[in-house]
Amino acid sequence: MNKDCKIIWETLQKSNLIFTKNQIRHLIQKNPTPPKLNAHLKIHKPNNPIRPVVNNRNAPTYKIAKKTKQYLETTPTTRKPIQHTKLRKFSA
């Protein structure tokens, strides 16, 4: 286990209020690799700009980020997210 993975492992061990020990074991990548940067050319636009695409499925924190996102989406909140509010026009 490299140094970064060890730091992630130790941090997850301390955060036992969010993840169980069984979940923590599955959240650590077995063979982590750095994220890969790919470039997609936009050939339909003038000057062919490049769209950078990052593949981080094997990154050390990918599974943790995915699980945290699921946890935050299912946790009830007291406020409505901005995307669900409607703007109203007020007439003077």
N, C-alpha and C. Protein backbone atom coordinates (compact mmCIF):
# COMPACT_ATOMS: atom_id res chain seq x y z
N MET A 1 0.86 -1.17 0.00
CA MET A 1 0.00 0.00 0.00
C MET A 1 0.91 1.23 0.00
N ASN A 2 0.68 2.14 -0.96
CA ASN A 2 1.53 3.32 -1.03
C ASN A 2 1.12 4.35 0.03
N LYS A 3 1.89 5.42 0.11
CA LYS A 3 1.70 6.41 1.16
C LYS A 3 0.33 7.09 1.10
N ASP A 4 -0.10 7.46 -0.10
CA ASP A 4 -1.39 8.12 -0.24
C ASP A 4 -2.55 7.21 0.16
N CYS A 5 -2.49 5.96 -0.26
CA CYS A 5 -3.54 5.01 0.11
C CYS A 5 -3.56 4.77 1.60
N LYS A 6 -2.40 4.78 2.21
CA LYS A 6 -2.33 4.59 3.66
C LYS A 6 -2.99 5.76 4.39
N ILE A 7 -2.78 6.97 3.90
CA ILE A 7 -3.41 8.15 4.51
C ILE A 7 -4.92 8.07 4.35
N ILE A 8 -5.38 7.67 3.17
CA ILE A 8 -6.81 7.52 2.93
C ILE A 8 -7.39 6.45 3.86
N TRP A 9 -6.71 5.33 3.99
CA TRP A 9 -7.15 4.23 4.85
C TRP A 9 -7.28 4.70 6.30
N GLU A 10 -6.28 5.40 6.80
CA GLU A 10 -6.31 5.88 8.18
C GLU A 10 -7.43 6.89 8.40
N THR A 11 -7.66 7.75 7.43
CA THR A 11 -8.74 8.74 7.55
C THR A 11 -10.09 8.06 7.56
N LEU A 12 -10.28 7.06 6.71
CA LEU A 12 -11.54 6.32 6.70
C LEU A 12 -11.78 5.57 8.01
N GLN A 13 -10.72 5.05 8.60
CA GLN A 13 -10.86 4.35 9.87
C GLN A 13 -11.37 5.28 10.97
N LYS A 14 -10.99 6.55 10.89
CA LYS A 14 -11.43 7.53 11.89
C LYS A 14 -12.86 7.99 11.65
N SER A 15 -13.35 7.85 10.43
CA SER A 15 -14.69 8.34 10.09
C SER A 15 -15.72 7.22 10.16
N ASN A 16 -15.78 6.53 11.27
CA ASN A 16 -16.67 5.38 11.40
C ASN A 16 -18.13 5.77 11.60
N LEU A 17 -18.45 7.05 11.68
CA LEU A 17 -19.85 7.47 11.79
C LEU A 17 -20.57 7.42 10.45
N ILE A 18 -19.82 7.52 9.36
CA ILE A 18 -20.42 7.54 8.03
C ILE A 18 -20.35 6.16 7.37
N PHE A 19 -19.20 5.51 7.45
CA PHE A 19 -19.00 4.23 6.80
C PHE A 19 -18.73 3.14 7.84
N THR A 20 -19.26 1.95 7.57
CA THR A 20 -18.98 0.82 8.45
C THR A 20 -17.61 0.24 8.08
N LYS A 21 -17.08 -0.61 8.94
CA LYS A 21 -15.77 -1.22 8.65
C LYS A 21 -15.81 -2.07 7.39
N ASN A 22 -16.93 -2.74 7.16
CA ASN A 22 -17.07 -3.55 5.96
C ASN A 22 -17.09 -2.67 4.71
N GLN A 23 -17.77 -1.52 4.77
CA GLN A 23 -17.79 -0.61 3.64
C GLN A 23 -16.41 -0.03 3.39
N ILE A 24 -15.70 0.31 4.45
CA ILE A 24 -14.36 0.88 4.32
C ILE A 24 -13.44 -0.09 3.58
N ARG A 25 -13.55 -1.36 3.88
CA ARG A 25 -12.71 -2.36 3.22
C ARG A 25 -12.96 -2.38 1.71
N HIS A 26 -14.21 -2.16 1.29
CA HIS A 26 -14.54 -2.17 -0.14
C HIS A 26 -14.28 -0.82 -0.81
N LEU A 27 -14.10 0.24 -0.03
CA LEU A 27 -13.88 1.56 -0.61
C LEU A 27 -12.43 1.80 -1.03
N ILE A 28 -11.52 1.01 -0.52
CA ILE A 28 -10.10 1.18 -0.86
C ILE A 28 -9.81 0.46 -2.17
N GLN A 29 -9.22 1.18 -3.12
CA GLN A 29 -8.83 0.59 -4.40
C GLN A 29 -7.67 -0.39 -4.18
N LYS A 30 -7.76 -1.54 -4.80
CA LYS A 30 -6.71 -2.56 -4.64
C LYS A 30 -5.44 -2.19 -5.41
N ASN A 31 -5.59 -1.74 -6.64
CA ASN A 31 -4.46 -1.34 -7.48
C ASN A 31 -4.71 0.06 -8.03
N PRO A 32 -4.55 1.09 -7.21
CA PRO A 32 -4.86 2.44 -7.70
C PRO A 32 -3.85 2.92 -8.73
N THR A 33 -4.34 3.68 -9.69
CA THR A 33 -3.48 4.30 -10.69
C THR A 33 -3.87 5.78 -10.78
N PRO A 34 -2.97 6.62 -11.23
CA PRO A 34 -3.33 8.03 -11.39
C PRO A 34 -4.41 8.19 -12.46
N PRO A 35 -5.25 9.21 -12.33
CA PRO A 35 -6.26 9.45 -13.36
C PRO A 35 -5.60 9.70 -14.72
N LYS A 36 -6.26 9.26 -15.77
CA LYS A 36 -5.73 9.43 -17.12
C LYS A 36 -6.45 10.57 -17.81
N LEU A 37 -5.69 11.40 -18.49
CA LEU A 37 -6.24 12.53 -19.22
C LEU A 37 -6.26 12.19 -20.70
N ASN A 38 -7.45 12.25 -21.29
CA ASN A 38 -7.62 12.02 -22.72
C ASN A 38 -8.10 13.32 -23.36
N ALA A 39 -7.87 13.46 -24.63
CA ALA A 39 -8.30 14.66 -25.35
C ALA A 39 -9.23 14.26 -26.48
N HIS A 40 -10.40 14.90 -26.51
CA HIS A 40 -11.34 14.69 -27.60
C HIS A 40 -11.36 15.96 -28.44
N LEU A 41 -11.10 15.83 -29.71
CA LEU A 41 -11.13 16.98 -30.61
C LEU A 41 -12.56 17.29 -31.02
N LYS A 42 -12.89 18.56 -30.98
CA LYS A 42 -14.21 19.00 -31.45
C LYS A 42 -14.05 19.41 -32.92
N ILE A 43 -14.15 18.42 -33.80
CA ILE A 43 -13.90 18.69 -35.21
C ILE A 43 -15.02 19.47 -35.89
N HIS A 44 -16.17 19.56 -35.23
CA HIS A 44 -17.30 20.29 -35.81
C HIS A 44 -17.23 21.79 -35.51
N LYS A 45 -16.23 22.23 -34.73
CA LYS A 45 -16.09 23.64 -34.40
C LYS A 45 -14.85 24.21 -35.07
N PRO A 46 -14.85 25.53 -35.30
CA PRO A 46 -13.67 26.15 -35.92
C PRO A 46 -12.45 26.03 -35.01
N ASN A 47 -11.29 25.90 -35.60
CA ASN A 47 -9.99 25.75 -34.92
C ASN A 47 -9.86 24.46 -34.12
N ASN A 48 -10.81 23.56 -34.22
CA ASN A 48 -10.78 22.25 -33.56
C ASN A 48 -10.32 22.32 -32.10
N PRO A 49 -11.12 22.92 -31.22
CA PRO A 49 -10.72 22.96 -29.81
C PRO A 49 -10.71 21.56 -29.20
N ILE A 50 -10.01 21.42 -28.09
CA ILE A 50 -9.86 20.13 -27.42
C ILE A 50 -10.73 20.11 -26.17
N ARG A 51 -11.43 19.01 -25.97
CA ARG A 51 -12.18 18.80 -24.74
C ARG A 51 -11.42 17.79 -23.89
N PRO A 52 -10.91 18.22 -22.74
CA PRO A 52 -10.21 17.28 -21.88
C PRO A 52 -11.19 16.36 -21.15
N VAL A 53 -10.89 15.08 -21.12
CA VAL A 53 -11.71 14.09 -20.44
C VAL A 53 -10.81 13.32 -19.48
N VAL A 54 -11.21 13.30 -18.21
CA VAL A 54 -10.40 12.63 -17.19
C VAL A 54 -11.08 11.32 -16.80
N ASN A 55 -10.35 10.23 -16.90
CA ASN A 55 -10.83 8.92 -16.48
C ASN A 55 -10.21 8.63 -15.12
N ASN A 56 -11.02 8.69 -14.07
CA ASN A 56 -10.47 8.47 -12.73
C ASN A 56 -11.07 7.25 -12.05
N ARG A 57 -11.53 6.29 -12.82
CA ARG A 57 -12.15 5.10 -12.21
C ARG A 57 -11.17 4.29 -11.36
N ASN A 58 -9.90 4.34 -11.67
CA ASN A 58 -8.92 3.59 -10.89
C ASN A 58 -8.15 4.49 -9.92
N ALA A 59 -8.58 5.73 -9.78
CA ALA A 59 -7.92 6.65 -8.85
C ALA A 59 -8.19 6.19 -7.41
N PRO A 60 -7.29 6.51 -6.49
CA PRO A 60 -7.44 6.05 -5.10
C PRO A 60 -8.74 6.50 -4.43
N THR A 61 -9.29 7.63 -4.82
CA THR A 61 -10.47 8.15 -4.13
C THR A 61 -11.77 7.98 -4.92
N TYR A 62 -11.77 7.26 -6.03
CA TYR A 62 -12.96 7.14 -6.86
C TYR A 62 -14.14 6.50 -6.11
N LYS A 63 -13.90 5.35 -5.49
CA LYS A 63 -14.98 4.65 -4.80
C LYS A 63 -15.49 5.45 -3.60
N ILE A 64 -14.58 6.14 -2.92
CA ILE A 64 -14.97 6.96 -1.77
C ILE A 64 -15.86 8.11 -2.23
N ALA A 65 -15.49 8.77 -3.31
CA ALA A 65 -16.28 9.88 -3.83
C ALA A 65 -17.66 9.39 -4.28
N LYS A 66 -17.72 8.25 -4.93
CA LYS A 66 -18.98 7.70 -5.40
C LYS A 66 -19.90 7.38 -4.21
N LYS A 67 -19.37 6.74 -3.19
CA LYS A 67 -20.16 6.37 -2.01
C LYS A 67 -20.60 7.61 -1.23
N THR A 68 -19.72 8.60 -1.13
CA THR A 68 -20.07 9.84 -0.43
C THR A 68 -21.18 10.56 -1.17
N LYS A 69 -21.13 10.58 -2.49
CA LYS A 69 -22.19 11.21 -3.29
C LYS A 69 -23.53 10.52 -3.04
N GLN A 70 -23.53 9.19 -3.02
CA GLN A 70 -24.76 8.44 -2.75
C GLN A 70 -25.29 8.75 -1.35
N TYR A 71 -24.38 8.84 -0.39
CA TYR A 71 -24.77 9.14 0.99
C TYR A 71 -25.40 10.53 1.08
N LEU A 72 -24.79 11.51 0.43
CA LEU A 72 -25.32 12.88 0.48
C LEU A 72 -26.64 13.01 -0.26
N GLU A 73 -26.82 12.25 -1.32
CA GLU A 73 -28.08 12.31 -2.07
C GLU A 73 -29.25 11.70 -1.29
N THR A 74 -28.97 10.73 -0.45
CA THR A 74 -30.04 10.07 0.30
C THR A 74 -30.26 10.69 1.68
N THR A 75 -29.37 11.57 2.10
CA THR A 75 -29.52 12.22 3.40
C THR A 75 -30.53 13.35 3.28
N PRO A 76 -31.56 13.35 4.14
CA PRO A 76 -32.54 14.44 4.04
C PRO A 76 -31.92 15.79 4.42
N THR A 77 -32.34 16.81 3.72
CA THR A 77 -31.85 18.15 4.02
C THR A 77 -33.01 19.03 4.45
N THR A 78 -32.70 20.14 5.07
CA THR A 78 -33.74 21.05 5.53
C THR A 78 -34.04 22.12 4.50
N ARG A 79 -33.16 22.31 3.55
CA ARG A 79 -33.36 23.32 2.52
C ARG A 79 -33.54 22.67 1.16
N LYS A 80 -34.27 23.36 0.29
CA LYS A 80 -34.42 22.88 -1.08
C LYS A 80 -33.16 23.23 -1.86
N PRO A 81 -32.68 22.32 -2.69
CA PRO A 81 -31.54 22.66 -3.55
C PRO A 81 -31.93 23.78 -4.53
N ILE A 82 -30.97 24.54 -4.94
CA ILE A 82 -31.21 25.66 -5.84
C ILE A 82 -31.82 25.19 -7.15
N GLN A 83 -31.44 24.04 -7.64
CA GLN A 83 -31.92 23.57 -8.94
C GLN A 83 -33.43 23.28 -8.93
N HIS A 84 -34.04 23.08 -7.77
CA HIS A 84 -35.45 22.77 -7.71
C HIS A 84 -36.33 23.99 -7.43
N THR A 85 -35.76 25.13 -7.20
CA THR A 85 -36.56 26.33 -6.95
C THR A 85 -36.89 26.99 -8.27
N LYS A 86 -38.03 27.64 -8.32
CA LYS A 86 -38.46 28.34 -9.53
C LYS A 86 -38.37 29.83 -9.29
N LEU A 87 -37.89 30.53 -10.29
CA LEU A 87 -37.83 31.98 -10.21
C LEU A 87 -39.18 32.55 -10.65
N ARG A 88 -39.66 33.51 -9.93
CA ARG A 88 -40.94 34.13 -10.26
C ARG A 88 -40.73 35.56 -10.66
N LYS A 89 -41.49 35.99 -11.63
CA LYS A 89 -41.43 37.40 -12.05
C LYS A 89 -42.45 38.17 -11.24
N PHE A 90 -42.02 39.26 -10.68
CA PHE A 90 -42.92 40.13 -9.92
C PHE A 90 -43.22 41.35 -10.75
N SER A 91 -44.49 41.66 -10.87
CA SER A 91 -44.86 42.88 -11.62
C SER A 91 -44.99 44.04 -10.65
N ALA A 92 -44.58 45.20 -11.12
CA ALA A 92 -44.60 46.39 -10.27
C ALA A 92 -45.96 47.01 -10.22
